[in-house]
Amino acid sequence: MSDIQIGSIVKAHYKTGIYIGEVKEDRGKFYLVQMLAVDKHPMQGDLHNPGQTENVFFHQRKALSYLEKANVQKEAVHPYEETEIPDYNDSLKQSVEKLKQKLNRRDTDFNSHAADRLSDLEKQYFG
């Protein structure tokens, strides 16, 4: 059925981010995953109204921290195929840079709002 066991290194899709982490516990429908690196930074904005800026609360979404643990639905956890786990800070910087590039491709109100939130997060993350 699944190759995932306690101690497995996995890719975990959590909300709108993707992380590399270690499975710490099997909790029925969830795995408790401890985060080791960021593969994709969470998108900014309202999860329930993606792409919208009007009449929604436009959230600033931080990446999960190094060694932070989260309950991740089992369907959203997959074996990590690479041989090395990236350094957390390096992976965070790369994921922020990728998201900035994506947001800069099209000049929309949503992308502008998201880029502002991400710029503020960069200051929090990296000083």
C-alpha atoms as a PDB file:
ATOM      1  CA  MET A   1       0.000   0.000   0.000  1.00  0.00           C
ATOM      2  CA  SER A   2       2.293   2.800   1.204  1.00  0.00           C
ATOM      3  CA  ASP A   3       6.077   3.024   1.526  1.00  0.00           C
ATOM      4  CA  ILE A   4       5.694   5.718   4.168  1.00  0.00           C
ATOM      5  CA  GLN A   5       6.639   4.790   7.710  1.00  0.00           C
ATOM      6  CA  ILE A   6       7.752   6.595  10.848  1.00  0.00           C
ATOM      7  CA  GLY A   7      11.118   8.170   9.999  1.00  0.00           C
ATOM      8  CA  SER A   8      10.425   8.352   6.239  1.00  0.00           C
ATOM      9  CA  ILE A   9      11.556  11.514   4.453  1.00  0.00           C
ATOM     10  CA  VAL A  10       8.583  12.851   2.495  1.00  0.00           C
ATOM     11  CA  LYS A  11       7.186  15.669   0.396  1.00  0.00           C
ATOM     12  CA  ALA A  12       4.183  17.048   2.244  1.00  0.00           C
ATOM     13  CA  HIS A  13       1.576  19.310   0.645  1.00  0.00           C
ATOM     14  CA  TYR A  14       0.236  21.509   3.440  1.00  0.00           C
ATOM     15  CA  LYS A  15      -2.313  24.198   2.610  1.00  0.00           C
ATOM     16  CA  THR A  16      -0.712  25.913  -0.415  1.00  0.00           C
ATOM     17  CA  GLY A  17       2.904  25.070   0.423  1.00  0.00           C
ATOM     18  CA  ILE A  18       5.008  21.994  -0.201  1.00  0.00           C
ATOM     19  CA  TYR A  19       7.612  20.889   2.322  1.00  0.00           C
ATOM     20  CA  ILE A  20      10.244  18.229   2.759  1.00  0.00           C
ATOM     21  CA  GLY A  21      10.004  16.623   6.149  1.00  0.00           C
ATOM     22  CA  GLU A  22      10.239  13.558   8.328  1.00  0.00           C
ATOM     23  CA  VAL A  23       7.218  11.522   9.382  1.00  0.00           C
ATOM     24  CA  LYS A  24       7.124  11.458  13.191  1.00  0.00           C
ATOM     25  CA  GLU A  25       3.771   9.774  13.885  1.00  0.00           C
ATOM     26  CA  ASP A  26       0.918   7.997  12.135  1.00  0.00           C
ATOM     27  CA  ARG A  27      -2.287   9.665  13.337  1.00  0.00           C
ATOM     28  CA  GLY A  28      -4.935   7.748  11.450  1.00  0.00           C
ATOM     29  CA  LYS A  29      -5.927   9.944   8.490  1.00  0.00           C
ATOM     30  CA  PHE A  30      -2.881  12.164   9.045  1.00  0.00           C
ATOM     31  CA  TYR A  31       0.871  11.957   9.431  1.00  0.00           C
ATOM     32  CA  LEU A  32       2.633  14.220  11.883  1.00  0.00           C
ATOM     33  CA  VAL A  33       5.428  15.650   9.723  1.00  0.00           C
ATOM     34  CA  GLN A  34       8.407  17.629  11.022  1.00  0.00           C
ATOM     35  CA  MET A  35       9.509  20.189   8.424  1.00  0.00           C
ATOM     36  CA  LEU A  36      13.111  20.154   7.207  1.00  0.00           C
ATOM     37  CA  ALA A  37      12.949  22.263   4.023  1.00  0.00           C
ATOM     38  CA  VAL A  38      10.548  24.298   1.867  1.00  0.00           C
ATOM     39  CA  ASP A  39       9.897  23.032  -1.654  1.00  0.00           C
ATOM     40  CA  LYS A  40       7.154  25.539  -2.579  1.00  0.00           C
ATOM     41  CA  HIS A  41       6.308  28.662  -0.586  1.00  0.00           C
ATOM     42  CA  PRO A  42       2.645  29.061   0.393  1.00  0.00           C
ATOM     43  CA  MET A  43       0.615  31.339  -1.851  1.00  0.00           C
ATOM     44  CA  GLN A  44      -0.554  34.614  -0.399  1.00  0.00           C
ATOM     45  CA  GLY A  45      -4.200  35.658  -0.196  1.00  0.00           C
ATOM     46  CA  ASP A  46      -7.488  33.996   0.657  1.00  0.00           C
ATOM     47  CA  LEU A  47      -7.366  30.200   0.255  1.00  0.00           C
ATOM     48  CA  HIS A  48     -11.115  30.045  -0.330  1.00  0.00           C
ATOM     49  CA  ASN A  49     -11.091  32.765  -2.991  1.00  0.00           C
ATOM     50  CA  PRO A  50      -7.840  32.312  -4.936  1.00  0.00           C
ATOM     51  CA  GLY A  51      -6.975  35.153  -7.246  1.00  0.00           C
ATOM     52  CA  GLN A  52      -9.437  37.514  -5.542  1.00  0.00           C
ATOM     53  CA  THR A  53      -8.595  40.780  -3.812  1.00  0.00           C
ATOM     54  CA  GLU A  54     -12.008  42.431  -3.409  1.00  0.00           C
ATOM     55  CA  ASN A  55     -14.253  41.660  -0.423  1.00  0.00           C
ATOM     56  CA  VAL A  56     -11.855  39.049   0.972  1.00  0.00           C
ATOM     57  CA  PHE A  57      -9.328  39.036   3.789  1.00  0.00           C
ATOM     58  CA  PHE A  58      -5.997  38.922   1.965  1.00  0.00           C
ATOM     59  CA  HIS A  59      -3.833  36.731   4.212  1.00  0.00           C
ATOM     60  CA  GLN A  60      -0.102  36.839   4.561  1.00  0.00           C
ATOM     61  CA  ARG A  61       0.978  33.189   4.663  1.00  0.00           C
ATOM     62  CA  LYS A  62       4.321  32.259   6.196  1.00  0.00           C
ATOM     63  CA  ALA A  63       6.119  29.051   5.372  1.00  0.00           C
ATOM     64  CA  LEU A  64       6.200  26.522   8.180  1.00  0.00           C
ATOM     65  CA  SER A  65       9.348  26.922  10.275  1.00  0.00           C
ATOM     66  CA  TYR A  66      12.335  24.617  10.475  1.00  0.00           C
ATOM     67  CA  LEU A  67      11.447  21.592  12.654  1.00  0.00           C
ATOM     68  CA  GLU A  68       7.841  22.780  12.998  1.00  0.00           C
ATOM     69  CA  LYS A  69       5.408  19.882  13.049  1.00  0.00           C
ATOM     70  CA  ALA A  70       2.079  19.723  11.228  1.00  0.00           C
ATOM     71  CA  ASN A  71      -0.677  17.171  10.779  1.00  0.00           C
ATOM     72  CA  VAL A  72      -0.757  16.489   7.042  1.00  0.00           C
ATOM     73  CA  GLN A  73      -3.447  14.400   5.376  1.00  0.00           C
ATOM     74  CA  LYS A  74      -2.010  11.089   4.241  1.00  0.00           C
ATOM     75  CA  GLU A  75      -3.097  11.677   0.613  1.00  0.00           C
ATOM     76  CA  ALA A  76      -0.893  14.784   0.593  1.00  0.00           C
ATOM     77  CA  VAL A  77       2.271  12.976   1.723  1.00  0.00           C
ATOM     78  CA  HIS A  78       4.562  11.287  -0.806  1.00  0.00           C
ATOM     79  CA  PRO A  79       8.010   9.681  -0.587  1.00  0.00           C
ATOM     80  CA  TYR A  80      10.847  12.161  -1.155  1.00  0.00           C
ATOM     81  CA  GLU A  81      12.784  10.893  -4.172  1.00  0.00           C
ATOM     82  CA  GLU A  82      15.938  13.022  -3.973  1.00  0.00           C
ATOM     83  CA  THR A  83      19.080  11.877  -2.157  1.00  0.00           C
ATOM     84  CA  GLU A  84      19.811  15.108  -0.264  1.00  0.00           C
ATOM     85  CA  ILE A  85      17.564  17.268   1.852  1.00  0.00           C
ATOM     86  CA  PRO A  86      18.225  20.956   1.081  1.00  0.00           C
ATOM     87  CA  ASP A  87      19.256  23.346   3.837  1.00  0.00           C
ATOM     88  CA  TYR A  88      16.110  24.938   5.286  1.00  0.00           C
ATOM     89  CA  ASN A  89      17.234  28.585   4.875  1.00  0.00           C
ATOM     90  CA  ASP A  90      18.496  27.993   1.325  1.00  0.00           C
ATOM     91  CA  SER A  91      15.258  26.220   0.394  1.00  0.00           C
ATOM     92  CA  LEU A  92      13.193  29.046   1.910  1.00  0.00           C
ATOM     93  CA  LYS A  93      15.117  31.659  -0.096  1.00  0.00           C
ATOM     94  CA  GLN A  94      14.709  29.653  -3.316  1.00  0.00           C
ATOM     95  CA  SER A  95      10.985  29.110  -2.745  1.00  0.00           C
ATOM     96  CA  VAL A  96      10.426  32.829  -2.080  1.00  0.00           C
ATOM     97  CA  GLU A  97      12.392  33.704  -5.230  1.00  0.00           C
ATOM     98  CA  LYS A  98      10.340  31.267  -7.360  1.00  0.00           C
ATOM     99  CA  LEU A  99       7.088  32.715  -6.045  1.00  0.00           C
ATOM    100  CA  LYS A 100       8.288  36.287  -6.718  1.00  0.00           C
ATOM    101  CA  GLN A 101       9.145  35.339 -10.301  1.00  0.00           C
ATOM    102  CA  LYS A 102       5.715  33.768 -10.759  1.00  0.00           C
ATOM    103  CA  LEU A 103       3.972  36.861  -9.372  1.00  0.00           C
ATOM    104  CA  ASN A 104       6.015  39.183 -11.610  1.00  0.00           C
ATOM    105  CA  ARG A 105       4.982  37.375 -14.821  1.00  0.00           C
ATOM    106  CA  ARG A 106       1.578  39.063 -14.969  1.00  0.00           C
ATOM    107  CA  ASP A 107       0.589  42.517 -13.744  1.00  0.00           C
ATOM    108  CA  THR A 108      -2.663  41.878 -11.872  1.00  0.00           C
ATOM    109  CA  ASP A 109      -4.170  43.311  -8.701  1.00  0.00           C
ATOM    110  CA  PHE A 110      -3.886  39.903  -7.030  1.00  0.00           C
ATOM    111  CA  ASN A 111      -0.209  39.470  -7.969  1.00  0.00           C
ATOM    112  CA  SER A 112       0.548  42.976  -6.714  1.00  0.00           C
ATOM    113  CA  HIS A 113      -1.103  42.298  -3.341  1.00  0.00           C
ATOM    114  CA  ALA A 114       0.634  38.921  -3.067  1.00  0.00           C
ATOM    115  CA  ALA A 115       4.026  40.434  -3.958  1.00  0.00           C
ATOM    116  CA  ASP A 116       3.568  43.081  -1.230  1.00  0.00           C
ATOM    117  CA  ARG A 117       2.826  40.384   1.368  1.00  0.00           C
ATOM    118  CA  LEU A 118       5.770  38.320   0.179  1.00  0.00           C
ATOM    119  CA  SER A 119       8.105  41.319   0.321  1.00  0.00           C
ATOM    120  CA  ASP A 120       7.087  41.878   3.949  1.00  0.00           C
ATOM    121  CA  LEU A 121       7.680  38.187   4.692  1.00  0.00           C
ATOM    122  CA  GLU A 122      11.161  38.396   3.152  1.00  0.00           C
ATOM    123  CA  LYS A 123      12.044  41.132   5.656  1.00  0.00           C
ATOM    124  CA  GLN A 124      10.746  38.949   8.498  1.00  0.00           C
ATOM    125  CA  TYR A 125      12.580  35.860   7.273  1.00  0.00           C
ATOM    126  CA  PHE A 126      15.914  37.338   6.292  1.00  0.00           C
ATOM    127  CA  GLY A 127      16.085  40.679   8.080  1.00  0.00           C
END
